[in-house]
Amino acid sequence: MSAITPALSLILPANNEAAHIGRCLDAVLASDFPRNDAVQIIVVPNGCRDETADIARSFQMRAQVLGWQLDVIELEHGSKLAALNAADRAVKAPLCAYLDADVIVSRALLAEITDVLGGNKPAYASGAVRLSRAKSCFTRAYAQFYLQTPFMKQPAPGCGFFAMNSAGRARFGNWPAIISDDTFARLKFAPDERYEVNAGYDWPLVDGMKNLIRVRRRQNAGVHELNTKFPDLLRNDAKLRFAPSAVLKAVLRHPIGTLAYGIVSLTVKLTPSRTSTWERGR
């Protein structure tokens, strides 16, 4: 266990992520973090039926060599929100970051996040999101148009990775039982309180048309749930406008991507979501 008070607590909920968590932790532990600072990594395997927890524990010695701390908190039942709440109770640092187990951070990301979140005013931050190359041709085409959408063009969308300082985290207590925890966190901050650092991270879209449709349904249900339960958050949305000229440009540059995106969007619109709880994206 590290004797150094950590500068950052990194929370990593994981449900049956044995295929991904090793690469995720390997990237985290390769970070260029200040020598005299430490990171507390909190992995919360929840409802796992695979080797997620054992793989996470296998990185503890490597973390210790760095002067870091890697805690593994196992939960019997699968619940991302319960995992987030359990991890938050174990946090030791003044800054918290939240990371999906299939995301790969760049070497500079954690240090830049720590720098930008210093100070006493509430602040939220994320990195420059990059889409991992998908195996599916359909998903690769979909991604071409998706990257041009207002959501992906706005600063710090926070998909797969986001962070906040203690003043910002104090704005809410336990994570509520909602589908879209990342959107909830982002909209707790006004646009001028959200920062995007230069360092990036790789975030995967799900593979295949069927999976993209399922995830888009869940995302739409999550947004609707937030609008219903937390309407005051809408004042912080500040959506960018998808101008007709930008749409036309995206269509002309990526006609196949436009078709893929349109198929998913139309299918979701014609067959609304029945999702009422959080579920894994894959």
C-alpha atoms as a PDB file:
ATOM      1  CA  MET A   1       0.000   0.000   0.000  1.00  0.00           C
ATOM      2  CA  SER A   2       1.284   3.433  -0.904  1.00  0.00           C
ATOM      3  CA  ALA A   3       2.385   5.694   1.922  1.00  0.00           C
ATOM      4  CA  ILE A   4       1.819   8.734  -0.304  1.00  0.00           C
ATOM      5  CA  THR A   5      -1.557  10.453  -0.220  1.00  0.00           C
ATOM      6  CA  PRO A   6      -2.774  10.003  -3.789  1.00  0.00           C
ATOM      7  CA  ALA A   7      -3.322  12.993  -6.043  1.00  0.00           C
ATOM      8  CA  LEU A   8      -5.984  11.170  -8.049  1.00  0.00           C
ATOM      9  CA  SER A   9      -8.405   8.318  -7.397  1.00  0.00           C
ATOM     10  CA  LEU A  10      -9.260   6.383 -10.568  1.00  0.00           C
ATOM     11  CA  ILE A  11     -12.489   4.385 -10.340  1.00  0.00           C
ATOM     12  CA  LEU A  12     -12.966   1.462 -12.675  1.00  0.00           C
ATOM     13  CA  PRO A  13     -16.258  -0.500 -12.471  1.00  0.00           C
ATOM     14  CA  ALA A  14     -16.081  -3.820 -14.302  1.00  0.00           C
ATOM     15  CA  ASN A  15     -18.678  -6.456 -15.157  1.00  0.00           C
ATOM     16  CA  ASN A  16     -17.196  -9.545 -16.843  1.00  0.00           C
ATOM     17  CA  GLU A  17     -14.346  -7.554 -18.371  1.00  0.00           C
ATOM     18  CA  ALA A  18     -11.623 -10.235 -18.364  1.00  0.00           C
ATOM     19  CA  ALA A  19     -11.046  -9.693 -22.090  1.00  0.00           C
ATOM     20  CA  HIS A  20     -10.408  -5.954 -21.662  1.00  0.00           C
ATOM     21  CA  ILE A  21      -9.288  -4.977 -18.178  1.00  0.00           C
ATOM     22  CA  GLY A  22      -5.686  -6.125 -18.588  1.00  0.00           C
ATOM     23  CA  ARG A  23      -5.043  -3.749 -21.499  1.00  0.00           C
ATOM     24  CA  CYS A  24      -6.887  -0.985 -19.672  1.00  0.00           C
ATOM     25  CA  LEU A  25      -4.788  -1.294 -16.488  1.00  0.00           C
ATOM     26  CA  ASP A  26      -1.597  -1.736 -18.469  1.00  0.00           C
ATOM     27  CA  ALA A  27      -2.199   1.652 -20.119  1.00  0.00           C
ATOM     28  CA  VAL A  28      -3.089   3.298 -16.799  1.00  0.00           C
ATOM     29  CA  LEU A  29       0.102   2.049 -15.131  1.00  0.00           C
ATOM     30  CA  ALA A  30       2.178   3.255 -18.087  1.00  0.00           C
ATOM     31  CA  SER A  31       1.021   6.833 -17.472  1.00  0.00           C
ATOM     32  CA  ASP A  32       3.542   9.666 -17.302  1.00  0.00           C
ATOM     33  CA  PHE A  33       2.506  10.812 -13.838  1.00  0.00           C
ATOM     34  CA  PRO A  34       4.613  13.131 -11.646  1.00  0.00           C
ATOM     35  CA  ARG A  35       7.194  11.101  -9.742  1.00  0.00           C
ATOM     36  CA  ASN A  36       6.240  12.507  -6.330  1.00  0.00           C
ATOM     37  CA  ASP A  37       2.499  11.980  -6.840  1.00  0.00           C
ATOM     38  CA  ALA A  38       0.500   8.788  -6.649  1.00  0.00           C
ATOM     39  CA  VAL A  39      -2.710   7.376  -8.079  1.00  0.00           C
ATOM     40  CA  GLN A  40      -5.219   5.260  -6.205  1.00  0.00           C
ATOM     41  CA  ILE A  41      -6.846   2.794  -8.611  1.00  0.00           C
ATOM     42  CA  ILE A  42     -10.130   1.311  -7.398  1.00  0.00           C
ATOM     43  CA  VAL A  43     -11.378  -1.613  -9.476  1.00  0.00           C
ATOM     44  CA  VAL A  44     -14.892  -2.795  -8.641  1.00  0.00           C
ATOM     45  CA  PRO A  45     -15.740  -6.136 -10.269  1.00  0.00           C
ATOM     46  CA  ASN A  46     -19.509  -6.443  -9.933  1.00  0.00           C
ATOM     47  CA  GLY A  47     -21.504  -9.565 -10.711  1.00  0.00           C
ATOM     48  CA  CYS A  48     -18.513 -11.093 -12.494  1.00  0.00           C
ATOM     49  CA  ARG A  49     -18.529 -14.711 -13.597  1.00  0.00           C
ATOM     50  CA  ASP A  50     -15.073 -14.526 -15.141  1.00  0.00           C
ATOM     51  CA  GLU A  51     -11.521 -13.685 -14.030  1.00  0.00           C
ATOM     52  CA  THR A  52     -11.904  -9.892 -13.979  1.00  0.00           C
ATOM     53  CA  ALA A  53     -11.044  -9.575 -10.270  1.00  0.00           C
ATOM     54  CA  ASP A  54      -8.045 -11.916 -10.455  1.00  0.00           C
ATOM     55  CA  ILE A  55      -6.636 -10.066 -13.463  1.00  0.00           C
ATOM     56  CA  ALA A  56      -7.023  -6.745 -11.654  1.00  0.00           C
ATOM     57  CA  ARG A  57      -5.239  -8.083  -8.561  1.00  0.00           C
ATOM     58  CA  SER A  58      -2.378  -9.299 -10.740  1.00  0.00           C
ATOM     59  CA  PHE A  59      -1.481  -5.624 -11.342  1.00  0.00           C
ATOM     60  CA  GLN A  60      -1.200  -4.736  -7.642  1.00  0.00           C
ATOM     61  CA  MET A  61       2.528  -5.399  -7.383  1.00  0.00           C
ATOM     62  CA  ARG A  62       3.227  -3.252 -10.450  1.00  0.00           C
ATOM     63  CA  ALA A  63       1.189  -0.442  -8.903  1.00  0.00           C
ATOM     64  CA  GLN A  64       3.051  -0.787  -5.630  1.00  0.00           C
ATOM     65  CA  VAL A  65       6.410  -0.449  -7.396  1.00  0.00           C
ATOM     66  CA  LEU A  66       5.210   2.938  -8.676  1.00  0.00           C
ATOM     67  CA  GLY A  67       4.163   3.980  -5.188  1.00  0.00           C
ATOM     68  CA  TRP A  68       0.540   3.721  -6.281  1.00  0.00           C
ATOM     69  CA  GLN A  69      -2.318   1.803  -4.669  1.00  0.00           C
ATOM     70  CA  LEU A  70      -4.600  -0.639  -6.473  1.00  0.00           C
ATOM     71  CA  ASP A  71      -7.680  -1.748  -4.532  1.00  0.00           C
ATOM     72  CA  VAL A  72     -10.102  -4.419  -5.722  1.00  0.00           C
ATOM     73  CA  ILE A  73     -13.604  -4.277  -4.243  1.00  0.00           C
ATOM     74  CA  GLU A  74     -15.741  -7.212  -5.375  1.00  0.00           C
ATOM     75  CA  LEU A  75     -19.544  -6.957  -5.415  1.00  0.00           C
ATOM     76  CA  GLU A  76     -21.713 -10.035  -5.781  1.00  0.00           C
ATOM     77  CA  HIS A  77     -24.386  -8.441  -7.951  1.00  0.00           C
ATOM     78  CA  GLY A  78     -23.892  -6.685 -11.260  1.00  0.00           C
ATOM     79  CA  SER A  79     -24.671  -2.993 -10.914  1.00  0.00           C
ATOM     80  CA  LYS A  80     -22.539  -0.180 -12.285  1.00  0.00           C
ATOM     81  CA  LEU A  81     -24.167   2.381  -9.994  1.00  0.00           C
ATOM     82  CA  ALA A  82     -23.562   0.217  -6.922  1.00  0.00           C
ATOM     83  CA  ALA A  83     -19.961  -0.178  -8.080  1.00  0.00           C
ATOM     84  CA  LEU A  84     -19.524   3.584  -8.425  1.00  0.00           C
ATOM     85  CA  ASN A  85     -20.980   4.201  -4.973  1.00  0.00           C
ATOM     86  CA  ALA A  86     -18.803   1.525  -3.378  1.00  0.00           C
ATOM     87  CA  ALA A  87     -15.702   2.981  -4.998  1.00  0.00           C
ATOM     88  CA  ASP A  88     -16.569   6.555  -4.008  1.00  0.00           C
ATOM     89  CA  ARG A  89     -16.661   5.479  -0.356  1.00  0.00           C
ATOM     90  CA  ALA A  90     -13.067   4.255  -0.691  1.00  0.00           C
ATOM     91  CA  VAL A  91     -11.667   7.363  -2.400  1.00  0.00           C
ATOM     92  CA  LYS A  92      -8.622   8.959  -0.744  1.00  0.00           C
ATOM     93  CA  ALA A  93      -7.688  11.655  -3.269  1.00  0.00           C
ATOM     94  CA  PRO A  94      -9.131  15.148  -3.820  1.00  0.00           C
ATOM     95  CA  LEU A  95      -9.749  14.326  -7.498  1.00  0.00           C
ATOM     96  CA  CYS A  96     -11.814  11.456  -8.895  1.00  0.00           C
ATOM     97  CA  ALA A  97     -11.697   9.990 -12.390  1.00  0.00           C
ATOM     98  CA  TYR A  98     -14.085   7.368 -13.763  1.00  0.00           C
ATOM     99  CA  LEU A  99     -12.905   4.949 -16.428  1.00  0.00           C
ATOM    100  CA  ASP A 100     -14.622   2.201 -18.412  1.00  0.00           C
ATOM    101  CA  ALA A 101     -12.745  -1.090 -18.490  1.00  0.00           C
ATOM    102  CA  ASP A 102     -12.529  -1.169 -22.305  1.00  0.00           C
ATOM    103  CA  VAL A 103     -10.959   2.295 -22.606  1.00  0.00           C
ATOM    104  CA  ILE A 104      -7.241   2.825 -23.252  1.00  0.00           C
ATOM    105  CA  VAL A 105      -5.799   6.053 -21.842  1.00  0.00           C
ATOM    106  CA  SER A 106      -2.825   7.856 -23.376  1.00  0.00           C
ATOM    107  CA  ARG A 107       0.317   8.260 -21.300  1.00  0.00           C
ATOM    108  CA  ALA A 108      -0.265  11.981 -20.637  1.00  0.00           C
ATOM    109  CA  LEU A 109      -3.993  11.892 -19.858  1.00  0.00           C
ATOM    110  CA  LEU A 110      -4.028  11.384 -16.085  1.00  0.00           C
ATOM    111  CA  ALA A 111      -1.358  14.031 -15.455  1.00  0.00           C
ATOM    112  CA  GLU A 112      -3.139  16.608 -17.625  1.00  0.00           C
ATOM    113  CA  ILE A 113      -6.452  15.851 -15.939  1.00  0.00           C
ATOM    114  CA  THR A 114      -4.854  16.331 -12.532  1.00  0.00           C
ATOM    115  CA  ASP A 115      -3.404  19.688 -13.584  1.00  0.00           C
ATOM    116  CA  VAL A 116      -6.634  21.117 -14.999  1.00  0.00           C
ATOM    117  CA  LEU A 117      -8.750  20.081 -11.995  1.00  0.00           C
ATOM    118  CA  GLY A 118      -6.564  21.819  -9.441  1.00  0.00           C
ATOM    119  CA  GLY A 119      -8.231  24.656  -7.598  1.00  0.00           C
ATOM    120  CA  ASN A 120     -11.200  25.175  -5.329  1.00  0.00           C
ATOM    121  CA  LYS A 121     -13.919  25.853  -7.892  1.00  0.00           C
ATOM    122  CA  PRO A 122     -16.065  22.923  -9.078  1.00  0.00           C
ATOM    123  CA  ALA A 123     -14.652  21.507 -12.280  1.00  0.00           C
ATOM    124  CA  TYR A 124     -15.159  18.562 -14.645  1.00  0.00           C
ATOM    125  CA  ALA A 125     -12.695  17.328 -17.231  1.00  0.00           C
ATOM    126  CA  SER A 126     -12.140  14.716 -19.880  1.00  0.00           C
ATOM    127  CA  GLY A 127      -9.691  14.037 -22.669  1.00  0.00           C
ATOM    128  CA  ALA A 128      -9.845  14.074 -26.445  1.00  0.00           C
ATOM    129  CA  VAL A 129     -11.864  10.985 -27.303  1.00  0.00           C
ATOM    130  CA  ARG A 130     -10.673   8.792 -30.156  1.00  0.00           C
ATOM    131  CA  LEU A 131     -12.751   5.943 -31.515  1.00  0.00           C
ATOM    132  CA  SER A 132     -10.971   2.599 -31.477  1.00  0.00           C
ATOM    133  CA  ARG A 133     -10.906   0.822 -34.832  1.00  0.00           C
ATOM    134  CA  ALA A 134     -13.868  -1.552 -34.880  1.00  0.00           C
ATOM    135  CA  LYS A 135     -13.795  -5.070 -36.283  1.00  0.00           C
ATOM    136  CA  SER A 136     -17.155  -4.633 -38.000  1.00  0.00           C
ATOM    137  CA  CYS A 137     -17.270  -2.824 -41.360  1.00  0.00           C
ATOM    138  CA  PHE A 138     -20.712  -1.504 -40.423  1.00  0.00           C
ATOM    139  CA  THR A 139     -19.437   0.029 -37.183  1.00  0.00           C
ATOM    140  CA  ARG A 140     -16.438   1.579 -38.954  1.00  0.00           C
ATOM    141  CA  ALA A 141     -18.789   3.194 -41.454  1.00  0.00           C
ATOM    142  CA  TYR A 142     -21.148   4.355 -38.689  1.00  0.00           C
ATOM    143  CA  ALA A 143     -18.217   5.903 -36.821  1.00  0.00           C
ATOM    144  CA  GLN A 144     -17.330   8.129 -39.790  1.00  0.00           C
ATOM    145  CA  PHE A 145     -20.614   9.998 -39.518  1.00  0.00           C
ATOM    146  CA  TYR A 146     -20.884   9.722 -35.715  1.00  0.00           C
ATOM    147  CA  LEU A 147     -17.646  11.667 -35.325  1.00  0.00           C
ATOM    148  CA  GLN A 148     -19.255  14.612 -37.154  1.00  0.00           C
ATOM    149  CA  THR A 149     -22.284  14.833 -34.836  1.00  0.00           C
ATOM    150  CA  PRO A 150     -22.665  17.724 -32.370  1.00  0.00           C
ATOM    151  CA  PHE A 151     -22.226  15.373 -29.404  1.00  0.00           C
ATOM    152  CA  MET A 152     -18.783  14.315 -30.551  1.00  0.00           C
ATOM    153  CA  LYS A 153     -17.812  17.838 -31.605  1.00  0.00           C
ATOM    154  CA  GLN A 154     -18.578  19.407 -28.224  1.00  0.00           C
ATOM    155  CA  PRO A 155     -15.706  19.805 -25.732  1.00  0.00           C
ATOM    156  CA  ALA A 156     -15.271  16.959 -23.243  1.00  0.00           C
ATOM    157  CA  PRO A 157     -18.220  14.666 -24.076  1.00  0.00           C
ATOM    158  CA  GLY A 158     -16.796  12.326 -21.442  1.00  0.00           C
ATOM    159  CA  CYS A 159     -17.830   9.027 -22.995  1.00  0.00           C
ATOM    160  CA  GLY A 160     -15.837   6.269 -21.313  1.00  0.00           C
ATOM    161  CA  PHE A 161     -13.716   8.618 -19.181  1.00  0.00           C
ATOM    162  CA  PHE A 162     -14.382  11.718 -17.105  1.00  0.00           C
ATOM    163  CA  ALA A 163     -13.113  13.311 -13.904  1.00  0.00           C
ATOM    164  CA  MET A 164     -14.057  15.952 -11.346  1.00  0.00           C
ATOM    165  CA  ASN A 165     -12.547  17.628  -8.345  1.00  0.00           C
ATOM    166  CA  SER A 166     -13.921  17.311  -4.809  1.00  0.00           C
ATOM    167  CA  ALA A 167     -15.833  20.594  -5.060  1.00  0.00           C
ATOM    168  CA  GLY A 168     -17.593  19.270  -8.127  1.00  0.00           C
ATOM    169  CA  ARG A 169     -18.220  15.816  -6.677  1.00  0.00           C
ATOM    170  CA  ALA A 170     -19.845  17.473  -3.649  1.00  0.00           C
ATOM    171  CA  ARG A 171     -22.716  18.572  -5.911  1.00  0.00           C
ATOM    172  CA  PHE A 172     -24.397  15.207  -5.488  1.00  0.00           C
ATOM    173  CA  GLY A 173     -24.372  12.367  -2.979  1.00  0.00           C
ATOM    174  CA  ASN A 174     -24.710   8.752  -4.073  1.00  0.00           C
ATOM    175  CA  TRP A 175     -25.002   8.020  -7.752  1.00  0.00           C
ATOM    176  CA  PRO A 176     -28.714   7.752  -8.515  1.00  0.00           C
ATOM    177  CA  ALA A 177     -30.237   4.641 -10.085  1.00  0.00           C
ATOM    178  CA  ILE A 178     -30.096   5.836 -13.686  1.00  0.00           C
ATOM    179  CA  ILE A 179     -29.007   4.502 -17.052  1.00  0.00           C
ATOM    180  CA  SER A 180     -26.753   7.352 -18.175  1.00  0.00           C
ATOM    181  CA  ASP A 181     -24.318   8.016 -15.331  1.00  0.00           C
ATOM    182  CA  ASP A 182     -21.805   9.771 -17.600  1.00  0.00           C
ATOM    183  CA  THR A 183     -24.368  12.262 -18.926  1.00  0.00           C
ATOM    184  CA  PHE A 184     -25.648  12.869 -15.390  1.00  0.00           C
ATOM    185  CA  ALA A 185     -22.118  13.700 -14.234  1.00  0.00           C
ATOM    186  CA  ARG A 186     -21.351  15.985 -17.195  1.00  0.00           C
ATOM    187  CA  LEU A 187     -24.590  17.957 -16.831  1.00  0.00           C
ATOM    188  CA  LYS A 188     -23.900  18.622 -13.166  1.00  0.00           C
ATOM    189  CA  PHE A 189     -21.442  21.192 -14.537  1.00  0.00           C
ATOM    190  CA  ALA A 190     -22.070  24.306 -16.591  1.00  0.00           C
ATOM    191  CA  PRO A 191     -20.279  24.484 -19.963  1.00  0.00           C
ATOM    192  CA  ASP A 192     -17.682  26.912 -18.564  1.00  0.00           C
ATOM    193  CA  GLU A 193     -16.902  24.424 -15.776  1.00  0.00           C
ATOM    194  CA  ARG A 194     -16.082  21.613 -18.204  1.00  0.00           C
ATOM    195  CA  TYR A 195     -12.588  21.225 -19.632  1.00  0.00           C
ATOM    196  CA  GLU A 196     -11.072  19.055 -22.331  1.00  0.00           C
ATOM    197  CA  VAL A 197      -7.339  18.427 -22.098  1.00  0.00           C
ATOM    198  CA  ASN A 198      -5.147  17.779 -25.127  1.00  0.00           C
ATOM    199  CA  ALA A 199      -4.276  14.199 -24.173  1.00  0.00           C
ATOM    200  CA  GLY A 200      -6.645  11.596 -25.497  1.00  0.00           C
ATOM    201  CA  TYR A 201      -8.009   8.129 -24.947  1.00  0.00           C
ATOM    202  CA  ASP A 202      -9.350   5.328 -27.134  1.00  0.00           C
ATOM    203  CA  TRP A 203     -13.037   4.491 -26.689  1.00  0.00           C
ATOM    204  CA  PRO A 204     -14.702   1.654 -28.612  1.00  0.00           C
ATOM    205  CA  LEU A 205     -18.064   1.649 -30.297  1.00  0.00           C
ATOM    206  CA  VAL A 206     -19.841  -1.701 -30.166  1.00  0.00           C
ATOM    207  CA  ASP A 207     -19.438  -3.962 -33.166  1.00  0.00           C
ATOM    208  CA  GLY A 208     -22.244  -4.610 -35.611  1.00  0.00           C
ATOM    209  CA  MET A 209     -25.576  -3.068 -36.573  1.00  0.00           C
ATOM    210  CA  LYS A 210     -27.615  -5.031 -34.022  1.00  0.00           C
ATOM    211  CA  ASN A 211     -25.401  -3.942 -31.132  1.00  0.00           C
ATOM    212  CA  LEU A 212     -25.321  -0.307 -32.283  1.00  0.00           C
ATOM    213  CA  ILE A 213     -29.118  -0.259 -32.396  1.00  0.00           C
ATOM    214  CA  ARG A 214     -29.330  -1.747 -28.903  1.00  0.00           C
ATOM    215  CA  VAL A 215     -26.880   0.780 -27.472  1.00  0.00           C
ATOM    216  CA  ARG A 216     -28.561   3.741 -29.213  1.00  0.00           C
ATOM    217  CA  ARG A 217     -31.891   2.644 -27.733  1.00  0.00           C
ATOM    218  CA  ARG A 218     -30.315   2.509 -24.289  1.00  0.00           C
ATOM    219  CA  GLN A 219     -28.707   5.926 -24.771  1.00  0.00           C
ATOM    220  CA  ASN A 220     -31.998   7.470 -25.831  1.00  0.00           C
ATOM    221  CA  ALA A 221     -33.754   5.896 -22.857  1.00  0.00           C
ATOM    222  CA  GLY A 222     -31.040   7.282 -20.601  1.00  0.00           C
ATOM    223  CA  VAL A 223     -31.444  10.812 -21.926  1.00  0.00           C
ATOM    224  CA  HIS A 224     -35.239  10.598 -21.587  1.00  0.00           C
ATOM    225  CA  GLU A 225     -34.861   9.350 -18.012  1.00  0.00           C
ATOM    226  CA  LEU A 226     -32.578  12.267 -17.097  1.00  0.00           C
ATOM    227  CA  ASN A 227     -34.942  14.772 -18.688  1.00  0.00           C
ATOM    228  CA  THR A 228     -37.789  13.309 -16.634  1.00  0.00           C
ATOM    229  CA  LYS A 229     -36.034  12.848 -13.290  1.00  0.00           C
ATOM    230  CA  PHE A 230     -33.561  15.746 -13.393  1.00  0.00           C
ATOM    231  CA  PRO A 231     -35.040  18.437 -15.686  1.00  0.00           C
ATOM    232  CA  ASP A 232     -32.909  21.145 -14.048  1.00  0.00           C
ATOM    233  CA  LEU A 233     -29.814  19.571 -15.605  1.00  0.00           C
ATOM    234  CA  LEU A 234     -30.980  20.616 -19.060  1.00  0.00           C
ATOM    235  CA  ARG A 235     -29.759  24.167 -18.467  1.00  0.00           C
ATOM    236  CA  ASN A 236     -26.207  22.810 -18.642  1.00  0.00           C
ATOM    237  CA  ASP A 237     -26.666  20.878 -21.879  1.00  0.00           C
ATOM    238  CA  ALA A 238     -25.619  23.626 -24.327  1.00  0.00           C
ATOM    239  CA  LYS A 239     -25.983  21.379 -27.358  1.00  0.00           C
ATOM    240  CA  LEU A 240     -24.178  22.406 -30.491  1.00  0.00           C
ATOM    241  CA  ARG A 241     -26.340  22.864 -33.565  1.00  0.00           C
ATOM    242  CA  PHE A 242     -25.898  20.433 -36.438  1.00  0.00           C
ATOM    243  CA  ALA A 243     -26.023  23.078 -39.139  1.00  0.00           C
ATOM    244  CA  PRO A 244     -27.399  22.007 -42.552  1.00  0.00           C
ATOM    245  CA  SER A 245     -24.062  22.854 -44.158  1.00  0.00           C
ATOM    246  CA  ALA A 246     -22.252  20.595 -41.689  1.00  0.00           C
ATOM    247  CA  VAL A 247     -24.734  17.785 -42.339  1.00  0.00           C
ATOM    248  CA  LEU A 248     -24.280  18.133 -46.094  1.00  0.00           C
ATOM    249  CA  LYS A 249     -20.509  18.130 -45.717  1.00  0.00           C
ATOM    250  CA  ALA A 250     -20.639  14.963 -43.612  1.00  0.00           C
ATOM    251  CA  VAL A 251     -22.965  13.272 -46.110  1.00  0.00           C
ATOM    252  CA  LEU A 252     -20.736  14.115 -49.078  1.00  0.00           C
ATOM    253  CA  ARG A 253     -17.540  13.055 -47.292  1.00  0.00           C
ATOM    254  CA  HIS A 254     -18.969   9.853 -45.794  1.00  0.00           C
ATOM    255  CA  PRO A 255     -21.950   8.592 -47.849  1.00  0.00           C
ATOM    256  CA  ILE A 256     -21.619   5.001 -46.605  1.00  0.00           C
ATOM    257  CA  GLY A 257     -21.230   6.230 -43.042  1.00  0.00           C
ATOM    258  CA  THR A 258     -24.318   8.388 -43.471  1.00  0.00           C
ATOM    259  CA  LEU A 259     -26.269   5.349 -44.644  1.00  0.00           C
ATOM    260  CA  ALA A 260     -25.100   3.267 -41.664  1.00  0.00           C
ATOM    261  CA  TYR A 261     -25.903   6.044 -39.201  1.00  0.00           C
ATOM    262  CA  GLY A 262     -29.289   6.591 -40.826  1.00  0.00           C
ATOM    263  CA  ILE A 263     -30.200   2.898 -40.639  1.00  0.00           C
ATOM    264  CA  VAL A 264     -29.444   2.820 -36.916  1.00  0.00           C
ATOM    265  CA  SER A 265     -31.236   6.105 -36.212  1.00  0.00           C
ATOM    266  CA  LEU A 266     -34.347   5.165 -38.182  1.00  0.00           C
ATOM    267  CA  THR A 267     -34.556   1.705 -36.624  1.00  0.00           C
ATOM    268  CA  VAL A 268     -34.277   3.176 -33.128  1.00  0.00           C
ATOM    269  CA  LYS A 269     -36.941   5.767 -33.917  1.00  0.00           C
ATOM    270  CA  LEU A 270     -39.370   3.176 -35.272  1.00  0.00           C
ATOM    271  CA  THR A 271     -38.744   0.691 -32.444  1.00  0.00           C
ATOM    272  CA  PRO A 272     -38.468   2.640 -29.161  1.00  0.00           C
ATOM    273  CA  SER A 273     -36.451   1.366 -26.226  1.00  0.00           C
ATOM    274  CA  ARG A 274     -37.917  -0.769 -23.464  1.00  0.00           C
ATOM    275  CA  THR A 275     -34.739  -0.398 -21.423  1.00  0.00           C
ATOM    276  CA  SER A 276     -35.337   0.732 -17.833  1.00  0.00           C
ATOM    277  CA  THR A 277     -32.039  -0.109 -16.199  1.00  0.00           C
ATOM    278  CA  TRP A 278     -28.330   0.202 -16.882  1.00  0.00           C
ATOM    279  CA  GLU A 279     -26.820  -2.573 -18.997  1.00  0.00           C
ATOM    280  CA  ARG A 280     -23.438  -3.161 -20.547  1.00  0.00           C
ATOM    281  CA  GLY A 281     -22.787  -1.632 -23.923  1.00  0.00           C
ATOM    282  CA  ARG A 282     -21.383  -4.788 -25.504  1.00  0.00           C
END
